[in-house]
């Protein structure tokens, strides 16, 4: 192993500059307020969880987990996502009290990276979980709330792609017959490698009719009109029920007035293996990957001994910031420079300004090298120095 340099960070970890921290705070505060207004309650879960529970229940690959041992020899993980911890928490402490549950979170999650590549190993997620409601109304609510939250932070140019994992599974089961074949095609879909998907389908020992069904399936996207074609393409009750749920969802999203942000993509799949029904991803201008995702996961809570349906979404705060863009802080900050004989006056003035809601830096002039350089970033400067009259400089 090469010697680490003094200023290096672990792979995938990031520092946050003050103005970026402030922008993130504003995003989180706006979304927090909106989510609370829909009746969701924020909770916290531990950063460390047991590998045998949350670690194995999580949909994150094992090689991406940060693992460590506690003093008793138990394997722990840094939480890699928030849905599994909340499922554990709800099954253990809340579900006996009230159903449905509407829970929300703001938390850092951790996923190990093999190399830097610009990918974060630690990032902040903000999201919601609706637990105990198996209706399509619950799916519509979380999508509508996600739209409302994104608009609240000033994001307008975004699109939500909606699919149904049950539709994909049923179609592949009918045509391909084996899980190996199906998993290969799902990988092409997850990677958005549609050329590879088509080439692979042409090489499969299938009838020309079944090959055409798979190629047609790849084009089931766009407006709600594609759902009629999806209905004709599938056989079997599970696949048909999936299309009926999407049709019902479309009507509900129209009632919420958010249908302009939605398109359908029946080929949508996810690396999160616990999804069982409707799922979705949200994309925004200037960001080449999903800024958030979500969907229904009706089997996850069973792993914690309490069967219950659930659906939710999560968004990445760093991706939201990328979509919105950052700017230098516009918050005004004043500076009071003082000499020791006028320290008390300066302190009193700072207290007065802060009480009025102002942001004030109080600085002993002895600790400043170049006064002009130091004060150049402040909006207003007050001098309490020697016999100098309380001179003010406004910028």
Protein backbone atom coordinates (compact mmCIF):
# COMPACT_ATOMS: atom_id res chain seq x y z
CA UNK A 1 0.00 0.00 0.00
CA UNK A 2 1.32 3.41 -0.94
CA UNK A 3 1.74 5.95 1.84
CA UNK A 4 -1.28 8.19 2.28
CA UNK A 5 -0.72 11.89 1.88
CA UNK A 6 -1.71 14.27 4.67
CA UNK A 7 -4.60 15.86 2.78
CA UNK A 8 -6.06 12.75 1.17
CA UNK A 9 -9.53 11.47 2.05
CA UNK A 10 -10.84 7.89 1.89
CA UNK A 11 -12.08 6.94 -1.58
CA UNK A 12 -15.46 8.50 -2.33
CA UNK A 13 -15.54 10.83 0.67
CA UNK A 14 -16.02 14.57 0.17
CA UNK A 15 -15.51 17.86 1.96
CA UNK A 16 -18.25 20.50 1.78
CA UNK A 17 -17.48 24.18 1.31
CA UNK A 18 -19.49 26.74 3.33
CA UNK A 19 -21.62 28.07 0.45
CA UNK A 20 -22.44 24.53 -0.70
CA UNK A 21 -23.35 23.56 2.85
CA UNK A 22 -25.72 26.53 2.98
CA UNK A 23 -27.35 25.63 -0.33
CA UNK A 24 -27.87 22.05 0.87
CA UNK A 25 -29.36 23.32 4.12
CA UNK A 26 -31.91 25.39 2.19
CA UNK A 27 -32.88 22.40 0.04
CA UNK A 28 -33.33 20.15 3.06
CA UNK A 29 -35.28 22.74 5.01
CA UNK A 30 -37.69 23.40 2.13
CA UNK A 31 -38.31 19.71 1.52
CA UNK A 32 -38.63 19.05 5.26
CA UNK A 33 -41.35 21.67 5.55
CA UNK A 34 -43.26 20.34 2.54
CA UNK A 35 -43.08 16.70 3.66
CA UNK A 36 -44.23 17.63 7.16
CA UNK A 37 -47.20 19.47 5.70
CA UNK A 38 -48.39 16.18 4.16
CA UNK A 39 -48.49 14.54 7.59
CA UNK A 40 -45.23 12.60 7.44
CA UNK A 41 -43.20 12.30 10.65
CA UNK A 42 -39.40 12.42 10.58
CA UNK A 43 -37.44 9.75 12.43
CA UNK A 44 -33.78 8.77 12.84
CA UNK A 45 -32.15 5.35 12.77
CA UNK A 46 -28.61 4.36 13.82
CA UNK A 47 -25.69 4.86 11.46
CA UNK A 48 -24.53 1.34 12.38
CA UNK A 49 -26.78 -1.68 11.88
CA UNK A 50 -26.28 -5.43 12.19
CA UNK A 51 -25.17 -7.10 8.97
CA UNK A 52 -27.41 -10.10 9.65
CA UNK A 53 -30.53 -7.92 9.69
CA UNK A 54 -30.36 -4.65 7.81
CA UNK A 55 -27.22 -5.58 5.86
CA UNK A 56 -28.71 -8.71 4.32
CA UNK A 57 -32.18 -7.17 3.90
CA UNK A 58 -30.77 -4.19 2.01
CA UNK A 59 -30.81 -4.28 -1.78
CA UNK A 60 -27.24 -2.94 -1.95
CA UNK A 61 -24.57 -5.34 -3.18
CA UNK A 62 -22.51 -6.98 -0.46
CA UNK A 63 -19.22 -5.65 -1.86
CA UNK A 64 -20.51 -2.10 -1.45
CA UNK A 65 -21.13 -2.46 2.29
CA UNK A 66 -18.78 -0.91 4.84
CA UNK A 67 -18.34 -3.67 7.45
CA UNK A 68 -16.75 -3.73 10.88
CA UNK A 69 -16.82 -5.86 14.02
CA UNK A 70 -18.10 -4.80 17.43
CA UNK A 71 -16.48 -5.93 20.69
CA UNK A 72 -18.73 -8.99 20.83
CA UNK A 73 -17.64 -10.13 17.37
CA UNK A 74 -20.87 -9.21 15.59
CA UNK A 75 -20.57 -7.90 12.04
CA UNK A 76 -21.92 -4.37 11.65
CA UNK A 77 -22.50 -2.26 8.56
CA UNK A 78 -22.72 1.46 7.95
CA UNK A 79 -26.28 1.82 6.65
CA UNK A 80 -26.12 1.64 2.83
CA UNK A 81 -29.66 3.00 2.32
CA UNK A 82 -32.62 3.98 4.48
CA UNK A 83 -35.55 1.77 3.46
CA UNK A 84 -34.32 -1.39 5.22
CA UNK A 85 -33.48 0.42 8.52
CA UNK A 86 -36.91 2.07 8.54
CA UNK A 87 -38.56 -1.28 7.81
CA UNK A 88 -36.73 -2.75 10.84
CA UNK A 89 -37.68 0.21 13.00
CA UNK A 90 -41.33 0.15 11.94
CA UNK A 91 -41.71 -3.60 12.41
CA UNK A 92 -40.14 -3.46 15.87
CA UNK A 93 -41.75 -0.37 17.37
CA UNK A 94 -44.50 1.30 15.37
CA UNK A 95 -46.71 -0.97 13.30
CA UNK A 96 -48.70 -2.28 16.26
CA UNK A 97 -49.71 1.27 17.13
CA UNK A 98 -50.96 2.73 13.87
CA UNK A 99 -51.41 1.69 10.25
CA UNK A 100 -50.79 3.20 7.77
CA UNK A 101 -47.58 4.88 8.92
CA UNK A 102 -46.18 7.94 7.20
CA UNK A 103 -42.49 8.28 8.02
CA UNK A 104 -39.72 10.48 6.65
CA UNK A 105 -35.96 10.80 7.03
CA UNK A 106 -32.86 12.88 6.32
CA UNK A 107 -29.70 10.80 6.69
CA UNK A 108 -26.25 10.03 5.34
CA UNK A 109 -25.76 6.60 3.78
CA UNK A 110 -22.55 4.77 2.88
CA UNK A 111 -21.59 2.63 -0.11
CA UNK A 112 -18.01 1.55 -0.69
CA UNK A 113 -16.43 2.45 -4.04
CA UNK A 114 -13.62 0.49 -5.62
CA UNK A 115 -12.16 3.60 -7.20
CA UNK A 116 -12.92 7.31 -7.09
CA UNK A 117 -14.48 7.90 -10.51
CA UNK A 118 -16.39 10.88 -9.12
CA UNK A 119 -18.82 8.64 -7.22
CA UNK A 120 -19.58 9.41 -3.61
CA UNK A 121 -19.17 6.74 -0.94
CA UNK A 122 -21.07 8.90 1.55
CA UNK A 123 -24.08 10.95 0.54
CA UNK A 124 -27.26 12.32 2.04
CA UNK A 125 -30.70 10.97 1.24
CA UNK A 126 -34.05 12.56 1.98
CA UNK A 127 -37.23 10.60 1.56
CA UNK A 128 -40.48 9.12 2.81
CA UNK A 129 -42.00 5.71 3.49
CA UNK A 130 -45.75 4.97 3.49
CA UNK A 131 -46.17 1.69 5.36
CA UNK A 132 -49.32 -0.40 5.64
CA UNK A 133 -51.34 0.99 2.70
CA UNK A 134 -51.58 -1.43 -0.24
CA UNK A 135 -53.68 0.83 -2.46
CA UNK A 136 -52.58 2.60 -5.63
CA UNK A 137 -53.69 5.76 -3.85
CA UNK A 138 -50.59 5.43 -1.65
CA UNK A 139 -48.35 5.12 -4.72
CA UNK A 140 -49.96 8.22 -6.20
CA UNK A 141 -49.50 10.14 -2.95
CA UNK A 142 -45.77 9.56 -2.74
CA UNK A 143 -45.24 10.52 -6.38
CA UNK A 144 -47.36 13.65 -5.95
CA UNK A 145 -45.46 14.54 -2.77
CA UNK A 146 -42.14 14.07 -4.54
CA UNK A 147 -43.28 16.44 -7.31
CA UNK A 148 -44.48 18.97 -4.74
CA UNK A 149 -41.20 18.76 -2.81
CA UNK A 150 -39.06 19.21 -5.92
CA UNK A 151 -41.08 22.22 -7.01
CA UNK A 152 -40.79 23.67 -3.51
CA UNK A 153 -36.98 23.82 -3.84
CA UNK A 154 -37.27 25.59 -7.20
CA UNK A 155 -36.82 22.62 -9.53
CA UNK A 156 -39.17 22.67 -12.51
CA UNK A 157 -37.45 20.84 -15.36
CA UNK A 158 -37.71 17.25 -14.23
CA UNK A 159 -39.41 14.08 -15.42
CA UNK A 160 -40.59 10.99 -13.56
CA UNK A 161 -40.38 7.65 -15.40
CA UNK A 162 -42.83 5.07 -14.05
CA UNK A 163 -42.84 1.33 -14.61
CA UNK A 164 -44.01 -1.85 -12.91
CA UNK A 165 -41.55 -4.57 -11.92
CA UNK A 166 -44.31 -7.18 -11.92
CA UNK A 167 -45.02 -6.49 -15.60
CA UNK A 168 -41.38 -7.02 -16.56
CA UNK A 169 -41.14 -10.20 -14.49
CA UNK A 170 -44.31 -11.71 -15.90
CA UNK A 171 -43.43 -10.92 -19.52
CA UNK A 172 -39.91 -12.35 -19.19
CA UNK A 173 -41.26 -15.43 -17.41
CA UNK A 174 -43.75 -16.09 -20.19
CA UNK A 175 -41.27 -15.68 -23.04
CA UNK A 176 -37.89 -16.72 -21.64
CA UNK A 177 -38.85 -19.45 -19.18
CA UNK A 178 -35.62 -19.35 -17.13
CA UNK A 179 -34.28 -16.90 -14.55
CA UNK A 180 -30.81 -16.90 -16.15
CA UNK A 181 -32.19 -15.57 -19.43
CA UNK A 182 -34.38 -13.06 -17.61
CA UNK A 183 -31.54 -11.75 -15.42
CA UNK A 184 -29.36 -11.16 -18.48
CA UNK A 185 -32.04 -9.04 -20.13
CA UNK A 186 -32.78 -7.17 -16.88
CA UNK A 187 -29.10 -6.22 -16.68
CA UNK A 188 -29.29 -4.69 -20.16
CA UNK A 189 -32.36 -2.73 -19.08
CA UNK A 190 -30.77 -1.50 -15.86
CA UNK A 191 -27.69 -0.32 -17.76
CA UNK A 192 -29.96 1.37 -20.36
CA UNK A 193 -28.08 -0.66 -22.98
CA UNK A 194 -30.95 -1.00 -25.43
CA UNK A 195 -28.70 -1.86 -28.37
CA UNK A 196 -27.23 -4.73 -26.37
CA UNK A 197 -30.77 -5.80 -25.38
CA UNK A 198 -31.89 -5.98 -29.02
CA UNK A 199 -28.79 -7.85 -30.16
CA UNK A 200 -29.14 -10.36 -27.34
CA UNK A 201 -32.82 -10.95 -28.10
CA UNK A 202 -31.99 -11.70 -31.75
CA UNK A 203 -29.56 -14.39 -30.61
CA UNK A 204 -32.00 -16.16 -28.29
CA UNK A 205 -33.60 -19.44 -29.48
CA UNK A 206 -37.09 -17.95 -29.61
CA UNK A 207 -39.85 -17.87 -32.17
CA UNK A 208 -40.05 -14.77 -34.34
CA UNK A 209 -43.29 -13.85 -32.54
CA UNK A 210 -41.67 -13.94 -29.10
CA UNK A 211 -38.62 -12.04 -30.33
CA UNK A 212 -40.93 -9.35 -31.68
CA UNK A 213 -42.80 -9.22 -28.36
CA UNK A 214 -39.54 -8.47 -26.54
CA UNK A 215 -38.52 -5.82 -29.08
CA UNK A 216 -41.97 -4.22 -28.89
CA UNK A 217 -41.74 -4.26 -25.10
CA UNK A 218 -38.65 -2.08 -25.34
CA UNK A 219 -40.77 0.65 -26.96
CA UNK A 220 -43.47 0.75 -24.30
CA UNK A 221 -42.74 4.25 -23.06
CA UNK A 222 -44.13 7.75 -23.26
CA UNK A 223 -47.67 8.90 -22.57
CA UNK A 224 -50.45 6.83 -21.03
CA UNK A 225 -51.31 5.58 -24.54
CA UNK A 226 -48.46 3.08 -24.30
CA UNK A 227 -50.43 1.28 -21.55
CA UNK A 228 -53.00 0.09 -24.12
CA UNK A 229 -50.20 -1.52 -26.12
CA UNK A 230 -48.73 -2.98 -22.93
CA UNK A 231 -52.08 -4.56 -22.15
CA UNK A 232 -52.16 -6.31 -25.55
CA UNK A 233 -48.59 -7.58 -25.22
CA UNK A 234 -48.94 -9.42 -21.92
CA UNK A 235 -50.73 -12.63 -20.94
CA UNK A 236 -51.58 -13.83 -17.47
CA UNK A 237 -53.38 -12.12 -14.61
CA UNK A 238 -50.28 -10.73 -12.85
CA UNK A 239 -49.12 -8.83 -15.92
CA UNK A 240 -52.62 -7.57 -16.70
CA UNK A 241 -53.07 -6.44 -13.10
CA UNK A 242 -49.83 -4.47 -13.36
CA UNK A 243 -51.17 -2.54 -16.35
CA UNK A 244 -54.48 -1.90 -14.58
CA UNK A 245 -52.58 -0.45 -11.61
CA UNK A 246 -50.61 1.86 -13.90
CA UNK A 247 -53.82 3.03 -15.55
CA UNK A 248 -55.36 3.72 -12.16
CA UNK A 249 -52.19 5.53 -11.09
CA UNK A 250 -52.38 7.77 -14.15
CA UNK A 251 -55.91 8.84 -13.27
CA UNK A 252 -54.92 9.64 -9.70
CA UNK A 253 -51.88 11.66 -10.78
CA UNK A 254 -54.16 13.67 -13.05
CA UNK A 255 -56.35 14.44 -10.05
CA UNK A 256 -53.26 15.62 -8.13
CA UNK A 257 -52.39 17.83 -11.12
CA UNK A 258 -48.87 16.42 -11.55
CA UNK A 259 -49.36 14.34 -14.71
CA UNK A 260 -47.26 16.79 -16.77
CA UNK A 261 -44.19 15.56 -14.89
CA UNK A 262 -44.87 11.89 -15.60
CA UNK A 263 -44.13 9.48 -18.41
CA UNK A 264 -44.34 5.69 -18.48
CA UNK A 265 -41.49 3.30 -19.17
CA UNK A 266 -42.53 -0.34 -18.94
CA UNK A 267 -38.90 -1.44 -19.37
CA UNK A 268 -37.86 0.30 -16.14
CA UNK A 269 -36.05 -1.96 -13.66
CA UNK A 270 -33.93 -1.26 -10.60
CA UNK A 271 -30.85 -2.64 -8.84
CA UNK A 272 -32.95 -2.48 -5.65
CA UNK A 273 -34.16 -6.06 -5.56
CA UNK A 274 -36.97 -5.58 -3.03
CA UNK A 275 -39.37 -3.71 -5.34
CA UNK A 276 -42.57 -5.68 -5.99
CA UNK A 277 -44.84 -3.35 -7.97
CA UNK A 278 -44.95 0.22 -9.24
CA UNK A 279 -41.50 1.81 -9.33
CA UNK A 280 -40.12 5.06 -10.68
CA UNK A 281 -37.06 7.22 -11.26
CA UNK A 282 -36.84 11.01 -11.49
CA UNK A 283 -34.52 12.82 -13.88
CA UNK A 284 -33.64 16.50 -14.08
CA UNK A 285 -31.92 18.77 -16.59
CA UNK A 286 -28.14 19.04 -16.22
CA UNK A 287 -27.89 15.68 -14.40
CA UNK A 288 -27.21 12.53 -16.42
CA UNK A 289 -28.48 10.03 -13.84
CA UNK A 290 -31.56 9.69 -11.61
CA UNK A 291 -31.70 12.25 -8.82
CA UNK A 292 -34.15 10.04 -6.96
CA UNK A 293 -36.18 6.86 -7.17
CA UNK A 294 -38.81 4.88 -5.35
CA UNK A 295 -41.55 2.31 -5.55
CA UNK A 296 -43.54 -0.37 -3.81
CA UNK A 297 -41.86 -3.04 -1.68
CA UNK A 298 -44.50 -5.29 -0.15
CA UNK A 299 -42.21 -8.11 1.02
CA UNK A 300 -39.42 -6.30 2.85
CA UNK A 301 -41.08 -5.96 6.26
CA UNK A 302 -41.73 -9.71 6.31
CA UNK A 303 -37.96 -10.14 6.77
CA UNK A 304 -38.32 -8.36 10.10
CA UNK A 305 -41.23 -10.53 11.22
CA UNK A 306 -44.09 -8.18 10.44
CA UNK A 307 -45.71 -8.54 6.99
CA UNK A 308 -46.91 -5.19 5.68
CA UNK A 309 -47.14 -3.42 2.35
CA UNK A 310 -45.07 -0.30 1.79
CA UNK A 311 -44.04 2.27 -0.77
CA UNK A 312 -41.76 5.30 -0.72
CA UNK A 313 -39.18 7.47 -2.43
CA UNK A 314 -35.69 8.76 -1.75
CA UNK A 315 -33.75 11.61 -3.36
CA UNK A 316 -30.07 12.44 -3.17
CA UNK A 317 -29.34 15.90 -1.83
CA UNK A 318 -26.06 16.22 -3.77
CA UNK A 319 -27.85 15.44 -7.04
CA UNK A 320 -30.59 17.96 -6.22
CA UNK A 321 -27.90 20.58 -5.70
CA UNK A 322 -26.37 19.66 -9.05
CA UNK A 323 -29.76 20.01 -10.75
CA UNK A 324 -30.52 23.39 -9.18
CA UNK A 325 -27.00 24.78 -9.41
CA UNK A 326 -25.00 26.56 -6.75
CA UNK A 327 -24.17 30.21 -6.29
CA UNK A 328 -22.10 32.15 -3.82
CA UNK A 329 -24.02 32.91 -0.66
CA UNK A 330 -26.24 35.99 -0.85
CA UNK A 331 -26.68 36.17 2.93
CA UNK A 332 -25.33 39.47 4.21
CA UNK A 333 -22.65 39.36 6.89
CA UNK A 334 -21.31 42.35 8.77
CA UNK A 335 -17.91 42.70 10.40
CA UNK A 336 -16.94 44.65 13.51
CA UNK A 337 -13.22 45.35 13.91
CA UNK A 338 -12.15 46.52 17.34
CA UNK A 339 -9.05 47.46 19.32
CA UNK A 340 -8.71 46.34 22.95
CA UNK A 341 -9.73 49.69 24.44
CA UNK A 342 -13.05 49.57 22.60
CA UNK A 343 -13.74 45.85 22.92
CA UNK A 344 -16.80 46.29 25.17
CA UNK A 345 -18.45 48.76 22.79
CA UNK A 346 -17.86 46.36 19.91
CA UNK A 347 -19.31 43.43 21.83
CA UNK A 348 -22.44 45.40 22.73
CA UNK A 349 -22.89 46.51 19.12
CA UNK A 350 -22.51 42.92 17.90
CA UNK A 351 -25.15 41.73 20.39
CA UNK A 352 -27.54 44.43 19.23
CA UNK A 353 -27.12 43.54 15.57
CA UNK A 354 -27.44 39.80 16.20
CA UNK A 355 -30.60 40.37 18.22
CA UNK A 356 -32.02 42.08 15.14
CA UNK A 357 -31.28 38.99 13.09
CA UNK A 358 -28.01 40.14 11.54
CA UNK A 359 -25.01 37.89 10.95
CA UNK A 360 -21.98 39.51 12.56
CA UNK A 361 -18.28 38.67 12.72
CA UNK A 362 -16.53 40.23 15.75
CA UNK A 363 -12.79 40.51 15.14
CA UNK A 364 -9.87 41.86 17.21
CA UNK A 365 -7.85 43.98 14.79
CA UNK A 366 -4.60 42.64 16.26
CA UNK A 367 -5.43 39.23 14.78
CA UNK A 368 -5.82 40.64 11.26
CA UNK A 369 -2.91 40.91 8.86
CA UNK A 370 -4.17 42.92 5.89
CA UNK A 371 -7.34 44.75 6.97
CA UNK A 372 -8.49 45.52 3.43
CA UNK A 373 -8.08 41.89 2.35
CA UNK A 374 -9.85 40.55 5.44
CA UNK A 375 -12.85 42.88 5.19
CA UNK A 376 -13.29 42.63 1.41
CA UNK A 377 -15.83 39.78 1.65
CA UNK A 378 -18.16 41.47 4.15
CA UNK A 379 -21.19 43.52 3.15
CA UNK A 380 -20.70 46.10 5.89
CA UNK A 381 -17.74 46.89 8.13
CA UNK A 382 -17.79 48.75 11.46
CA UNK A 383 -14.56 50.10 13.01
CA UNK A 384 -14.18 50.40 16.79
CA UNK A 385 -10.49 51.17 16.73
CA UNK A 386 -8.67 53.60 19.05
CA UNK A 387 -10.17 57.09 18.82
CA UNK A 388 -11.70 56.36 15.42
CA UNK A 389 -15.31 57.41 15.25
CA UNK A 390 -17.59 54.47 14.52
CA UNK A 391 -16.81 54.56 10.83
CA UNK A 392 -18.82 52.23 8.60
CA UNK A 393 -17.96 50.95 5.19
CA UNK A 394 -20.78 49.57 3.02
CA UNK A 395 -19.94 47.47 0.00
